[in-house]
Amino acid sequence: MTAPYELGPVLAEAEMRHCCASGSTLVPIHSSFRLTLLIIGNALQRIAAGASGVLVGLYLAMLANQGASIGVAIVGTLSAVSFVAELVAAAPMGIASDAVAPRVLMTGGSLLGAVATQLFGMTAW
């Protein structure tokens, strides 16, 4: 059997020995490992997005308890803005990930999210 890319005879043989067999098709282990990492990373991003929604709700509740005028409209608007931003950015970020290394975009997005979270926590009402 040959690997789908040239690794050299020793490395290719070791690669194919560590494959997962599914019927007659062999999948190199690094492909399934990368897919697993991708799924875990996506799950963590979704969990973080859900947690940030909860934290914003708790923050707004705290502000309302301190006497700030927080209405239902502002809570709904903040939720909608978050989802609209994700919807609008999805296609351009997909195109950018084809042009730029995806690792750079993922790292940059994570850093930008960390900075935004820190700035949000530092705001005063």
PDB file of N, CA and C in Angstrom:
ATOM      1  N   MET A   1       0.840  -1.181   0.000  1.00  0.00           N
ATOM      2  CA  MET A   1       0.000   0.000   0.000  1.00  0.00           C
ATOM      3  C   MET A   1       0.881   1.239   0.000  1.00  0.00           C
ATOM      4  N   THR A   2       0.402   2.271  -0.647  1.00  0.00           N
ATOM      5  CA  THR A   2       1.171   3.512  -0.686  1.00  0.00           C
ATOM      6  C   THR A   2       0.405   4.611   0.025  1.00  0.00           C
ATOM      7  N   ALA A   3       1.145   5.497   0.626  1.00  0.00           N
ATOM      8  CA  ALA A   3       0.530   6.644   1.291  1.00  0.00           C
ATOM      9  C   ALA A   3       0.066   7.628   0.231  1.00  0.00           C
ATOM     10  N   PRO A   4      -0.926   8.461   0.548  1.00  0.00           N
ATOM     11  CA  PRO A   4      -1.408   9.429  -0.432  1.00  0.00           C
ATOM     12  C   PRO A   4      -0.388  10.523  -0.736  1.00  0.00           C
ATOM     13  N   TYR A   5       0.679  10.595  -0.016  1.00  0.00           N
ATOM     14  CA  TYR A   5       1.743  11.561  -0.246  1.00  0.00           C
ATOM     15  C   TYR A   5       3.065  10.858   0.006  1.00  0.00           C
ATOM     16  N   GLU A   6       4.115  11.423  -0.472  1.00  0.00           N
ATOM     17  CA  GLU A   6       5.424  10.775  -0.383  1.00  0.00           C
ATOM     18  C   GLU A   6       6.059  11.066   0.961  1.00  0.00           C
ATOM     19  N   LEU A   7       6.231  10.040   1.778  1.00  0.00           N
ATOM     20  CA  LEU A   7       6.858  10.189   3.078  1.00  0.00           C
ATOM     21  C   LEU A   7       8.221   9.529   3.142  1.00  0.00           C
ATOM     22  N   GLY A   8       8.539   8.760   2.158  1.00  0.00           N
ATOM     23  CA  GLY A   8       9.726   7.924   2.234  1.00  0.00           C
ATOM     24  C   GLY A   8       9.267   6.534   2.622  1.00  0.00           C
ATOM     25  N   PRO A   9       9.997   5.497   2.214  1.00  0.00           N
ATOM     26  CA  PRO A   9       9.509   4.135   2.404  1.00  0.00           C
ATOM     27  C   PRO A   9       9.321   3.726   3.860  1.00  0.00           C
ATOM     28  N   VAL A  10      10.230   4.090   4.744  1.00  0.00           N
ATOM     29  CA  VAL A  10      10.118   3.661   6.136  1.00  0.00           C
ATOM     30  C   VAL A  10       8.982   4.393   6.826  1.00  0.00           C
ATOM     31  N   LEU A  11       8.923   5.705   6.639  1.00  0.00           N
ATOM     32  CA  LEU A  11       7.886   6.504   7.273  1.00  0.00           C
ATOM     33  C   LEU A  11       6.512   6.153   6.713  1.00  0.00           C
ATOM     34  N   ALA A  12       6.421   5.916   5.402  1.00  0.00           N
ATOM     35  CA  ALA A  12       5.139   5.563   4.798  1.00  0.00           C
ATOM     36  C   ALA A  12       4.634   4.234   5.339  1.00  0.00           C
ATOM     37  N   GLU A  13       5.542   3.259   5.518  1.00  0.00           N
ATOM     38  CA  GLU A  13       5.129   1.967   6.050  1.00  0.00           C
ATOM     39  C   GLU A  13       4.650   2.101   7.491  1.00  0.00           C
ATOM     40  N   ALA A  14       5.365   2.888   8.294  1.00  0.00           N
ATOM     41  CA  ALA A  14       4.947   3.102   9.678  1.00  0.00           C
ATOM     42  C   ALA A  14       3.613   3.828   9.723  1.00  0.00           C
ATOM     43  N   GLU A  15       3.426   4.777   8.830  1.00  0.00           N
ATOM     44  CA  GLU A  15       2.173   5.537   8.761  1.00  0.00           C
ATOM     45  C   GLU A  15       1.000   4.613   8.459  1.00  0.00           C
ATOM     46  N   MET A  16       1.186   3.724   7.503  1.00  0.00           N
ATOM     47  CA  MET A  16       0.103   2.837   7.108  1.00  0.00           C
ATOM     48  C   MET A  16      -0.171   1.767   8.166  1.00  0.00           C
ATOM     49  N   ARG A  17       0.843   1.405   8.967  1.00  0.00           N
ATOM     50  CA  ARG A  17       0.606   0.450  10.047  1.00  0.00           C
ATOM     51  C   ARG A  17      -0.289   1.045  11.118  1.00  0.00           C
ATOM     52  N   HIS A  18      -0.226   2.348  11.288  1.00  0.00           N
ATOM     53  CA  HIS A  18      -1.014   3.021  12.313  1.00  0.00           C
ATOM     54  C   HIS A  18      -2.321   3.557  11.761  1.00  0.00           C
ATOM     55  N   CYS A  19      -2.812   2.985  10.719  1.00  0.00           N
ATOM     56  CA  CYS A  19      -4.054   3.450  10.113  1.00  0.00           C
ATOM     57  C   CYS A  19      -5.253   2.769  10.751  1.00  0.00           C
ATOM     58  N   CYS A  20      -6.358   3.445  10.637  1.00  0.00           N
ATOM     59  CA  CYS A  20      -7.617   2.861  11.067  1.00  0.00           C
ATOM     60  C   CYS A  20      -8.276   2.255   9.845  1.00  0.00           C
ATOM     61  N   ALA A  21      -8.599   0.975   9.906  1.00  0.00           N
ATOM     62  CA  ALA A  21      -9.213   0.308   8.757  1.00  0.00           C
ATOM     63  C   ALA A  21     -10.720   0.467   8.834  1.00  0.00           C
ATOM     64  N   SER A  22     -11.311   0.944   7.752  1.00  0.00           N
ATOM     65  CA  SER A  22     -12.769   1.006   7.662  1.00  0.00           C
ATOM     66  C   SER A  22     -13.134   0.371   6.334  1.00  0.00           C
ATOM     67  N   GLY A  23     -13.485  -0.895   6.378  1.00  0.00           N
ATOM     68  CA  GLY A  23     -13.741  -1.622   5.144  1.00  0.00           C
ATOM     69  C   GLY A  23     -12.438  -1.827   4.410  1.00  0.00           C
ATOM     70  N   SER A  24     -12.412  -1.473   3.133  1.00  0.00           N
ATOM     71  CA  SER A  24     -11.190  -1.630   2.347  1.00  0.00           C
ATOM     72  C   SER A  24     -10.400  -0.332   2.272  1.00  0.00           C
ATOM     73  N   THR A  25     -10.942   0.763   2.848  1.00  0.00           N
ATOM     74  CA  THR A  25     -10.268   2.059   2.783  1.00  0.00           C
ATOM     75  C   THR A  25      -9.492   2.291   4.066  1.00  0.00           C
ATOM     76  N   LEU A  26      -8.237   2.629   3.931  1.00  0.00           N
ATOM     77  CA  LEU A  26      -7.415   2.949   5.085  1.00  0.00           C
ATOM     78  C   LEU A  26      -7.305   4.456   5.229  1.00  0.00           C
ATOM     79  N   VAL A  27      -7.461   4.948   6.438  1.00  0.00           N
ATOM     80  CA  VAL A  27      -7.347   6.368   6.718  1.00  0.00           C
ATOM     81  C   VAL A  27      -6.137   6.560   7.605  1.00  0.00           C
ATOM     82  N   PRO A  28      -5.161   7.359   7.202  1.00  0.00           N
ATOM     83  CA  PRO A  28      -3.995   7.583   8.063  1.00  0.00           C
ATOM     84  C   PRO A  28      -4.421   8.166   9.400  1.00  0.00           C
ATOM     85  N   ILE A  29      -3.717   7.775  10.456  1.00  0.00           N
ATOM     86  CA  ILE A  29      -4.119   8.183  11.794  1.00  0.00           C
ATOM     87  C   ILE A  29      -4.038   9.696  11.972  1.00  0.00           C
ATOM     88  N   HIS A  30      -3.116  10.346  11.284  1.00  0.00           N
ATOM     89  CA  HIS A  30      -3.019  11.789  11.466  1.00  0.00           C
ATOM     90  C   HIS A  30      -4.275  12.488  10.958  1.00  0.00           C
ATOM     91  N   SER A  31      -4.967  11.944   9.978  1.00  0.00           N
ATOM     92  CA  SER A  31      -6.205  12.548   9.484  1.00  0.00           C
ATOM     93  C   SER A  31      -7.300  12.457  10.525  1.00  0.00           C
ATOM     94  N   SER A  32      -7.444  11.289  11.143  1.00  0.00           N
ATOM     95  CA  SER A  32      -8.481  11.137  12.154  1.00  0.00           C
ATOM     96  C   SER A  32      -8.120  11.940  13.402  1.00  0.00           C
ATOM     97  N   PHE A  33      -6.830  12.047  13.710  1.00  0.00           N
ATOM     98  CA  PHE A  33      -6.404  12.840  14.860  1.00  0.00           C
ATOM     99  C   PHE A  33      -6.700  14.316  14.638  1.00  0.00           C
ATOM    100  N   ARG A  34      -6.420  14.812  13.432  1.00  0.00           N
ATOM    101  CA  ARG A  34      -6.705  16.209  13.125  1.00  0.00           C
ATOM    102  C   ARG A  34      -8.203  16.481  13.161  1.00  0.00           C
ATOM    103  N   LEU A  35      -8.994  15.543  12.671  1.00  0.00           N
ATOM    104  CA  LEU A  35     -10.439  15.707  12.713  1.00  0.00           C
ATOM    105  C   LEU A  35     -10.927  15.749  14.153  1.00  0.00           C
ATOM    106  N   THR A  36     -10.366  14.898  14.999  1.00  0.00           N
ATOM    107  CA  THR A  36     -10.735  14.904  16.413  1.00  0.00           C
ATOM    108  C   THR A  36     -10.384  16.240  17.053  1.00  0.00           C
ATOM    109  N   LEU A  37      -9.196  16.750  16.766  1.00  0.00           N
ATOM    110  CA  LEU A  37      -8.805  18.056  17.302  1.00  0.00           C
ATOM    111  C   LEU A  37      -9.723  19.163  16.791  1.00  0.00           C
ATOM    112  N   LEU A  38     -10.103  19.089  15.530  1.00  0.00           N
ATOM    113  CA  LEU A  38     -11.010  20.081  14.961  1.00  0.00           C
ATOM    114  C   LEU A  38     -12.357  20.055  15.661  1.00  0.00           C
ATOM    115  N   ILE A  39     -12.889  18.878  15.888  1.00  0.00           N
ATOM    116  CA  ILE A  39     -14.182  18.754  16.558  1.00  0.00           C
ATOM    117  C   ILE A  39     -14.102  19.251  18.000  1.00  0.00           C
ATOM    118  N   ILE A  40     -13.019  18.924  18.690  1.00  0.00           N
ATOM    119  CA  ILE A  40     -12.847  19.393  20.067  1.00  0.00           C
ATOM    120  C   ILE A  40     -12.720  20.919  20.099  1.00  0.00           C
ATOM    121  N   GLY A  41     -11.932  21.476  19.182  1.00  0.00           N
ATOM    122  CA  GLY A  41     -11.785  22.931  19.120  1.00  0.00           C
ATOM    123  C   GLY A  41     -13.096  23.632  18.828  1.00  0.00           C
ATOM    124  N   ASN A  42     -13.873  23.085  17.899  1.00  0.00           N
ATOM    125  CA  ASN A  42     -15.172  23.666  17.582  1.00  0.00           C
ATOM    126  C   ASN A  42     -16.104  23.580  18.779  1.00  0.00           C
ATOM    127  N   ALA A  43     -16.091  22.450  19.482  1.00  0.00           N
ATOM    128  CA  ALA A  43     -16.937  22.299  20.667  1.00  0.00           C
ATOM    129  C   ALA A  43     -16.552  23.315  21.742  1.00  0.00           C
ATOM    130  N   LEU A  44     -15.249  23.520  21.941  1.00  0.00           N
ATOM    131  CA  LEU A  44     -14.805  24.496  22.933  1.00  0.00           C
ATOM    132  C   LEU A  44     -15.235  25.909  22.561  1.00  0.00           C
ATOM    133  N   GLN A  45     -15.176  26.233  21.279  1.00  0.00           N
ATOM    134  CA  GLN A  45     -15.631  27.554  20.852  1.00  0.00           C
ATOM    135  C   GLN A  45     -17.120  27.731  21.085  1.00  0.00           C
ATOM    136  N   ARG A  46     -17.902  26.707  20.812  1.00  0.00           N
ATOM    137  CA  ARG A  46     -19.357  26.784  21.030  1.00  0.00           C
ATOM    138  C   ARG A  46     -19.671  26.890  22.514  1.00  0.00           C
ATOM    139  N   ILE A  47     -18.942  26.143  23.343  1.00  0.00           N
ATOM    140  CA  ILE A  47     -19.154  26.227  24.783  1.00  0.00           C
ATOM    141  C   ILE A  47     -18.794  27.620  25.291  1.00  0.00           C
ATOM    142  N   ALA A  48     -17.691  28.168  24.794  1.00  0.00           N
ATOM    143  CA  ALA A  48     -17.282  29.517  25.198  1.00  0.00           C
ATOM    144  C   ALA A  48     -18.311  30.555  24.776  1.00  0.00           C
ATOM    145  N   ALA A  49     -18.863  30.410  23.576  1.00  0.00           N
ATOM    146  CA  ALA A  49     -19.883  31.352  23.119  1.00  0.00           C
ATOM    147  C   ALA A  49     -21.127  31.267  24.000  1.00  0.00           C
ATOM    148  N   GLY A  50     -21.527  30.056  24.358  1.00  0.00           N
ATOM    149  CA  GLY A  50     -22.677  29.904  25.247  1.00  0.00           C
ATOM    150  C   GLY A  50     -22.405  30.466  26.632  1.00  0.00           C
ATOM    151  N   ALA A  51     -21.202  30.218  27.135  1.00  0.00           N
ATOM    152  CA  ALA A  51     -20.839  30.733  28.453  1.00  0.00           C
ATOM    153  C   ALA A  51     -20.782  32.251  28.449  1.00  0.00           C
ATOM    154  N   SER A  52     -20.293  32.835  27.364  1.00  0.00           N
ATOM    155  CA  SER A  52     -20.240  34.294  27.317  1.00  0.00           C
ATOM    156  C   SER A  52     -21.640  34.882  27.296  1.00  0.00           C
ATOM    157  N   GLY A  53     -22.581  34.202  26.654  1.00  0.00           N
ATOM    158  CA  GLY A  53     -23.972  34.673  26.667  1.00  0.00           C
ATOM    159  C   GLY A  53     -24.546  34.651  28.074  1.00  0.00           C
ATOM    160  N   VAL A  54     -24.242  33.597  28.815  1.00  0.00           N
ATOM    161  CA  VAL A  54     -24.707  33.502  30.201  1.00  0.00           C
ATOM    162  C   VAL A  54     -24.057  34.585  31.050  1.00  0.00           C
ATOM    163  N   LEU A  55     -22.754  34.791  30.852  1.00  0.00           N
ATOM    164  CA  LEU A  55     -22.046  35.799  31.642  1.00  0.00           C
ATOM    165  C   LEU A  55     -22.555  37.208  31.353  1.00  0.00           C
ATOM    166  N   VAL A  56     -22.874  37.500  30.100  1.00  0.00           N
ATOM    167  CA  VAL A  56     -23.437  38.811  29.773  1.00  0.00           C
ATOM    168  C   VAL A  56     -24.788  38.973  30.458  1.00  0.00           C
ATOM    169  N   GLY A  57     -25.590  37.915  30.461  1.00  0.00           N
ATOM    170  CA  GLY A  57     -26.872  37.968  31.161  1.00  0.00           C
ATOM    171  C   GLY A  57     -26.703  38.217  32.652  1.00  0.00           C
ATOM    172  N   LEU A  58     -25.740  37.531  33.270  1.00  0.00           N
ATOM    173  CA  LEU A  58     -25.476  37.749  34.695  1.00  0.00           C
ATOM    174  C   LEU A  58     -24.962  39.166  34.955  1.00  0.00           C
ATOM    175  N   TYR A  59     -24.130  39.667  34.060  1.00  0.00           N
ATOM    176  CA  TYR A  59     -23.603  41.031  34.194  1.00  0.00           C
ATOM    177  C   TYR A  59     -24.741  42.048  34.112  1.00  0.00           C
ATOM    178  N   LEU A  60     -25.641  41.850  33.152  1.00  0.00           N
ATOM    179  CA  LEU A  60     -26.776  42.767  33.021  1.00  0.00           C
ATOM    180  C   LEU A  60     -27.705  42.671  34.231  1.00  0.00           C
ATOM    181  N   ALA A  61     -27.891  41.469  34.782  1.00  0.00           N
ATOM    182  CA  ALA A  61     -28.708  41.312  35.986  1.00  0.00           C
ATOM    183  C   ALA A  61     -28.072  42.033  37.169  1.00  0.00           C
ATOM    184  N   MET A  62     -26.743  41.948  37.279  1.00  0.00           N
ATOM    185  CA  MET A  62     -26.051  42.644  38.353  1.00  0.00           C
ATOM    186  C   MET A  62     -26.220  44.161  38.212  1.00  0.00           C
ATOM    187  N   LEU A  63     -26.098  44.646  36.964  1.00  0.00           N
ATOM    188  CA  LEU A  63     -26.289  46.078  36.737  1.00  0.00           C
ATOM    189  C   LEU A  63     -27.705  46.509  37.079  1.00  0.00           C
ATOM    190  N   ALA A  64     -28.677  45.677  36.737  1.00  0.00           N
ATOM    191  CA  ALA A  64     -30.074  45.998  37.052  1.00  0.00           C
ATOM    192  C   ALA A  64     -30.286  46.016  38.571  1.00  0.00           C
ATOM    193  N   ASN A  65     -29.635  45.103  39.288  1.00  0.00           N
ATOM    194  CA  ASN A  65     -29.751  45.095  40.749  1.00  0.00           C
ATOM    195  C   ASN A  65     -29.099  46.312  41.381  1.00  0.00           C
ATOM    196  N   GLN A  66     -28.134  46.917  40.699  1.00  0.00           N
ATOM    197  CA  GLN A  66     -27.464  48.112  41.211  1.00  0.00           C
ATOM    198  C   GLN A  66     -28.192  49.384  40.819  1.00  0.00           C
ATOM    199  N   GLY A  67     -29.320  49.246  40.139  1.00  0.00           N
ATOM    200  CA  GLY A  67     -30.131  50.410  39.820  1.00  0.00           C
ATOM    201  C   GLY A  67     -30.063  50.869  38.378  1.00  0.00           C
ATOM    202  N   ALA A  68     -29.310  50.214  37.542  1.00  0.00           N
ATOM    203  CA  ALA A  68     -29.232  50.602  36.136  1.00  0.00           C
ATOM    204  C   ALA A  68     -30.535  50.219  35.438  1.00  0.00           C
ATOM    205  N   SER A  69     -30.909  51.017  34.479  1.00  0.00           N
ATOM    206  CA  SER A  69     -32.136  50.762  33.725  1.00  0.00           C
ATOM    207  C   SER A  69     -31.826  49.792  32.589  1.00  0.00           C
ATOM    208  N   ILE A  70     -32.030  48.511  32.852  1.00  0.00           N
ATOM    209  CA  ILE A  70     -31.776  47.464  31.864  1.00  0.00           C
ATOM    210  C   ILE A  70     -33.122  46.859  31.480  1.00  0.00           C
ATOM    211  N   GLY A  71     -33.492  47.044  30.224  1.00  0.00           N
ATOM    212  CA  GLY A  71     -34.761  46.515  29.755  1.00  0.00           C
ATOM    213  C   GLY A  71     -34.570  45.236  28.955  1.00  0.00           C
ATOM    214  N   VAL A  72     -35.697  44.640  28.627  1.00  0.00           N
ATOM    215  CA  VAL A  72     -35.680  43.414  27.842  1.00  0.00           C
ATOM    216  C   VAL A  72     -35.097  43.679  26.458  1.00  0.00           C
ATOM    217  N   ALA A  73     -35.339  44.848  25.917  1.00  0.00           N
ATOM    218  CA  ALA A  73     -34.866  45.186  24.574  1.00  0.00           C
ATOM    219  C   ALA A  73     -33.340  45.158  24.494  1.00  0.00           C
ATOM    220  N   ILE A  74     -32.670  45.677  25.500  1.00  0.00           N
ATOM    221  CA  ILE A  74     -31.205  45.701  25.443  1.00  0.00           C
ATOM    222  C   ILE A  74     -30.629  44.288  25.569  1.00  0.00           C
ATOM    223  N   VAL A  75     -31.270  43.443  26.368  1.00  0.00           N
ATOM    224  CA  VAL A  75     -30.806  42.064  26.490  1.00  0.00           C
ATOM    225  C   VAL A  75     -30.966  41.341  25.156  1.00  0.00           C
ATOM    226  N   GLY A  76     -32.103  41.494  24.525  1.00  0.00           N
ATOM    227  CA  GLY A  76     -32.343  40.866  23.227  1.00  0.00           C
ATOM    228  C   GLY A  76     -31.426  41.403  22.149  1.00  0.00           C
ATOM    229  N   THR A  77     -31.190  42.709  22.176  1.00  0.00           N
ATOM    230  CA  THR A  77     -30.314  43.326  21.179  1.00  0.00           C
ATOM    231  C   THR A  77     -28.884  42.812  21.315  1.00  0.00           C
ATOM    232  N   LEU A  78     -28.394  42.698  22.530  1.00  0.00           N
ATOM    233  CA  LEU A  78     -27.041  42.183  22.735  1.00  0.00           C
ATOM    234  C   LEU A  78     -26.921  40.743  22.243  1.00  0.00           C
ATOM    235  N   SER A  79     -27.935  39.938  22.489  1.00  0.00           N
ATOM    236  CA  SER A  79     -27.918  38.555  21.998  1.00  0.00           C
ATOM    237  C   SER A  79     -27.936  38.516  20.480  1.00  0.00           C
ATOM    238  N   ALA A  80     -28.796  39.327  19.881  1.00  0.00           N
ATOM    239  CA  ALA A  80     -28.918  39.337  18.419  1.00  0.00           C
ATOM    240  C   ALA A  80     -27.637  39.829  17.757  1.00  0.00           C
ATOM    241  N   VAL A  81     -27.017  40.850  18.326  1.00  0.00           N
ATOM    242  CA  VAL A  81     -25.786  41.390  17.748  1.00  0.00           C
ATOM    243  C   VAL A  81     -24.700  40.324  17.730  1.00  0.00           C
ATOM    244  N   SER A  82     -24.612  39.530  18.762  1.00  0.00           N
ATOM    245  CA  SER A  82     -23.614  38.469  18.817  1.00  0.00           C
ATOM    246  C   SER A  82     -23.819  37.464  17.688  1.00  0.00           C
ATOM    247  N   PHE A  83     -25.046  37.031  17.486  1.00  0.00           N
ATOM    248  CA  PHE A  83     -25.310  36.042  16.442  1.00  0.00           C
ATOM    249  C   PHE A  83     -25.184  36.637  15.043  1.00  0.00           C
ATOM    250  N   VAL A  84     -25.581  37.889  14.869  1.00  0.00           N
ATOM    251  CA  VAL A  84     -25.449  38.540  13.560  1.00  0.00           C
ATOM    252  C   VAL A  84     -23.978  38.718  13.209  1.00  0.00           C
ATOM    253  N   ALA A  85     -23.157  39.075  14.194  1.00  0.00           N
ATOM    254  CA  ALA A  85     -21.723  39.226  13.942  1.00  0.00           C
ATOM    255  C   ALA A  85     -21.111  37.899  13.490  1.00  0.00           C
ATOM    256  N   GLU A  86     -21.522  36.803  14.114  1.00  0.00           N
ATOM    257  CA  GLU A  86     -21.012  35.490  13.703  1.00  0.00           C
ATOM    258  C   GLU A  86     -21.482  35.143  12.298  1.00  0.00           C
ATOM    259  N   LEU A  87     -22.733  35.451  11.989  1.00  0.00           N
ATOM    260  CA  LEU A  87     -23.284  35.160  10.663  1.00  0.00           C
ATOM    261  C   LEU A  87     -22.573  35.960   9.576  1.00  0.00           C
ATOM    262  N   VAL A  88     -22.361  37.239   9.827  1.00  0.00           N
ATOM    263  CA  VAL A  88     -21.724  38.108   8.833  1.00  0.00           C
ATOM    264  C   VAL A  88     -20.258  37.729   8.632  1.00  0.00           C
ATOM    265  N   ALA A  89     -19.578  37.343   9.701  1.00  0.00           N
ATOM    266  CA  ALA A  89     -18.145  37.056   9.610  1.00  0.00           C
ATOM    267  C   ALA A  89     -17.843  35.651   9.104  1.00  0.00           C
ATOM    268  N   ALA A  90     -18.814  34.759   9.084  1.00  0.00           N
ATOM    269  CA  ALA A  90     -18.547  33.363   8.733  1.00  0.00           C
ATOM    270  C   ALA A  90     -17.990  33.216   7.315  1.00  0.00           C
ATOM    271  N   ALA A  91     -18.634  33.801   6.325  1.00  0.00           N
ATOM    272  CA  ALA A  91     -18.178  33.648   4.937  1.00  0.00           C
ATOM    273  C   ALA A  91     -16.822  34.319   4.694  1.00  0.00           C
ATOM    274  N   PRO A  92     -16.625  35.578   5.100  1.00  0.00           N
ATOM    275  CA  PRO A  92     -15.302  36.174   4.885  1.00  0.00           C
ATOM    276  C   PRO A  92     -14.173  35.437   5.619  1.00  0.00           C
ATOM    277  N   MET A  93     -14.448  34.946   6.806  1.00  0.00           N
ATOM    278  CA  MET A  93     -13.411  34.204   7.537  1.00  0.00           C
ATOM    279  C   MET A  93     -13.129  32.862   6.863  1.00  0.00           C
ATOM    280  N   GLY A  94     -14.133  32.255   6.263  1.00  0.00           N
ATOM    281  CA  GLY A  94     -13.910  31.020   5.507  1.00  0.00           C
ATOM    282  C   GLY A  94     -13.031  31.260   4.300  1.00  0.00           C
ATOM    283  N   ILE A  95     -13.292  32.351   3.614  1.00  0.00           N
ATOM    284  CA  ILE A  95     -12.465  32.719   2.455  1.00  0.00           C
ATOM    285  C   ILE A  95     -11.046  33.063   2.911  1.00  0.00           C
ATOM    286  N   ALA A  96     -10.950  33.804   4.017  1.00  0.00           N
ATOM    287  CA  ALA A  96      -9.628  34.182   4.525  1.00  0.00           C
ATOM    288  C   ALA A  96      -8.836  32.961   4.978  1.00  0.00           C
ATOM    289  N   SER A  97      -9.529  31.947   5.503  1.00  0.00           N
ATOM    290  CA  SER A  97      -8.803  30.756   5.945  1.00  0.00           C
ATOM    291  C   SER A  97      -8.223  29.976   4.778  1.00  0.00           C
ATOM    292  N   ASP A  98      -8.782  30.174   3.579  1.00  0.00           N
ATOM    293  CA  ASP A  98      -8.190  29.556   2.399  1.00  0.00           C
ATOM    294  C   ASP A  98      -6.946  30.318   1.940  1.00  0.00           C
ATOM    295  N   ALA A  99      -6.936  31.622   2.182  1.00  0.00           N
ATOM    296  CA  ALA A  99      -5.826  32.453   1.723  1.00  0.00           C
ATOM    297  C   ALA A  99      -4.699  32.545   2.748  1.00  0.00           C
ATOM    298  N   VAL A 100      -5.047  32.514   4.016  1.00  0.00           N
ATOM    299  CA  VAL A 100      -4.080  32.653   5.102  1.00  0.00           C
ATOM    300  C   VAL A 100      -4.070  31.332   5.864  1.00  0.00           C
ATOM    301  N   ALA A 101      -3.010  31.046   6.541  1.00  0.00           N
ATOM    302  CA  ALA A 101      -2.936  29.814   7.321  1.00  0.00           C
ATOM    303  C   ALA A 101      -4.035  29.811   8.385  1.00  0.00           C
ATOM    304  N   PRO A 102      -4.854  28.768   8.448  1.00  0.00           N
ATOM    305  CA  PRO A 102      -5.940  28.722   9.430  1.00  0.00           C
ATOM    306  C   PRO A 102      -5.454  28.862  10.869  1.00  0.00           C
ATOM    307  N   ARG A 103      -4.255  28.367  11.143  1.00  0.00           N
ATOM    308  CA  ARG A 103      -3.723  28.483  12.504  1.00  0.00           C
ATOM    309  C   ARG A 103      -3.547  29.952  12.890  1.00  0.00           C
ATOM    310  N   VAL A 104      -3.124  30.781  11.940  1.00  0.00           N
ATOM    311  CA  VAL A 104      -2.945  32.211  12.209  1.00  0.00           C
ATOM    312  C   VAL A 104      -4.298  32.846  12.525  1.00  0.00           C
ATOM    313  N   LEU A 105      -5.327  32.507  11.744  1.00  0.00           N
ATOM    314  CA  LEU A 105      -6.656  33.070  11.991  1.00  0.00           C
ATOM    315  C   LEU A 105      -7.225  32.599  13.324  1.00  0.00           C
ATOM    316  N   MET A 106      -7.053  31.330  13.641  1.00  0.00           N
ATOM    317  CA  MET A 106      -7.584  30.804  14.906  1.00  0.00           C
ATOM    318  C   MET A 106      -6.874  31.447  16.101  1.00  0.00           C
ATOM    319  N   THR A 107      -5.560  31.595  16.003  1.00  0.00           N
ATOM    320  CA  THR A 107      -4.812  32.217  17.087  1.00  0.00           C
ATOM    321  C   THR A 107      -5.174  33.689  17.212  1.00  0.00           C
ATOM    322  N   GLY A 108      -5.228  34.377  16.077  1.00  0.00           N
ATOM    323  CA  GLY A 108      -5.602  35.791  16.100  1.00  0.00           C
ATOM    324  C   GLY A 108      -7.005  36.009  16.636  1.00  0.00           C
ATOM    325  N   GLY A 109      -7.942  35.156  16.236  1.00  0.00           N
ATOM    326  CA  GLY A 109      -9.308  35.268  16.740  1.00  0.00           C
ATOM    327  C   GLY A 109      -9.403  35.013  18.227  1.00  0.00           C
ATOM    328  N   SER A 110      -8.644  34.039  18.701  1.00  0.00           N
ATOM    329  CA  SER A 110      -8.635  33.744  20.134  1.00  0.00           C
ATOM    330  C   SER A 110      -8.050  34.905  20.932  1.00  0.00           C
ATOM    331  N   LEU A 111      -6.967  35.477  20.415  1.00  0.00           N
ATOM    332  CA  LEU A 111      -6.360  36.629  21.102  1.00  0.00           C
ATOM    333  C   LEU A 111      -7.293  37.834  21.087  1.00  0.00           C
ATOM    334  N   LEU A 112      -7.936  38.068  19.957  1.00  0.00           N
ATOM    335  CA  LEU A 112      -8.888  39.174  19.870  1.00  0.00           C
ATOM    336  C   LEU A 112     -10.058  38.960  20.833  1.00  0.00           C
ATOM    337  N   GLY A 113     -10.533  37.719  20.927  1.00  0.00           N
ATOM    338  CA  GLY A 113     -11.601  37.412  21.877  1.00  0.00           C
ATOM    339  C   GLY A 113     -11.170  37.623  23.320  1.00  0.00           C
ATOM    340  N   ALA A 114      -9.922  37.253  23.621  1.00  0.00           N
ATOM    341  CA  ALA A 114      -9.409  37.455  24.977  1.00  0.00           C
ATOM    342  C   ALA A 114      -9.320  38.938  25.317  1.00  0.00           C
ATOM    343  N   VAL A 115      -8.861  39.738  24.370  1.00  0.00           N
ATOM    344  CA  VAL A 115      -8.774  41.184  24.595  1.00  0.00           C
ATOM    345  C   VAL A 115     -10.170  41.779  24.759  1.00  0.00           C
ATOM    346  N   ALA A 116     -11.109  41.364  23.924  1.00  0.00           N
ATOM    347  CA  ALA A 116     -12.477  41.876  24.016  1.00  0.00           C
ATOM    348  C   ALA A 116     -13.111  41.497  25.354  1.00  0.00           C
ATOM    349  N   THR A 117     -12.860  40.286  25.810  1.00  0.00           N
ATOM    350  CA  THR A 117     -13.397  39.850  27.090  1.00  0.00           C
ATOM    351  C   THR A 117     -12.805  40.677  28.233  1.00  0.00           C
ATOM    352  N   GLN A 118     -11.519  40.939  28.163  1.00  0.00           N
ATOM    353  CA  GLN A 118     -10.870  41.744  29.197  1.00  0.00           C
ATOM    354  C   GLN A 118     -11.407  43.163  29.178  1.00  0.00           C
ATOM    355  N   LEU A 119     -11.574  43.749  28.003  1.00  0.00           N
ATOM    356  CA  LEU A 119     -12.118  45.108  27.914  1.00  0.00           C
ATOM    357  C   LEU A 119     -13.547  45.169  28.420  1.00  0.00           C
ATOM    358  N   PHE A 120     -14.333  44.141  28.124  1.00  0.00           N
ATOM    359  CA  PHE A 120     -15.706  44.092  28.605  1.00  0.00           C
ATOM    360  C   PHE A 120     -15.734  44.078  30.136  1.00  0.00           C
ATOM    361  N   GLY A 121     -14.837  43.315  30.731  1.00  0.00           N
ATOM    362  CA  GLY A 121     -14.779  43.246  32.185  1.00  0.00           C
ATOM    363  C   GLY A 121     -14.296  44.515  32.834  1.00  0.00           C
ATOM    364  N   MET A 122     -13.554  45.340  32.109  1.00  0.00           N
ATOM    365  CA  MET A 122     -13.016  46.576  32.650  1.00  0.00           C
ATOM    366  C   MET A 122     -13.955  47.767  32.481  1.00  0.00           C
ATOM    367  N   THR A 123     -15.054  47.577  31.780  1.00  0.00           N
ATOM    368  CA  THR A 123     -15.970  48.710  31.555  1.00  0.00           C
ATOM    369  C   THR A 123     -16.684  49.070  32.833  1.00  0.00           C
ATOM    370  N   ALA A 124     -16.962  50.330  32.974  1.00  0.00           N
ATOM    371  CA  ALA A 124     -17.725  50.811  34.124  1.00  0.00           C
ATOM    372  C   ALA A 124     -19.067  51.323  33.619  1.00  0.00           C
ATOM    373  N   TRP A 125     -20.084  51.073  34.379  1.00  0.00           N
ATOM    374  CA  TRP A 125     -21.420  51.502  33.962  1.00  0.00           C
ATOM    375  C   TRP A 125     -21.651  52.919  34.369  1.00  0.00           C
TER     376      TRP A 125
END
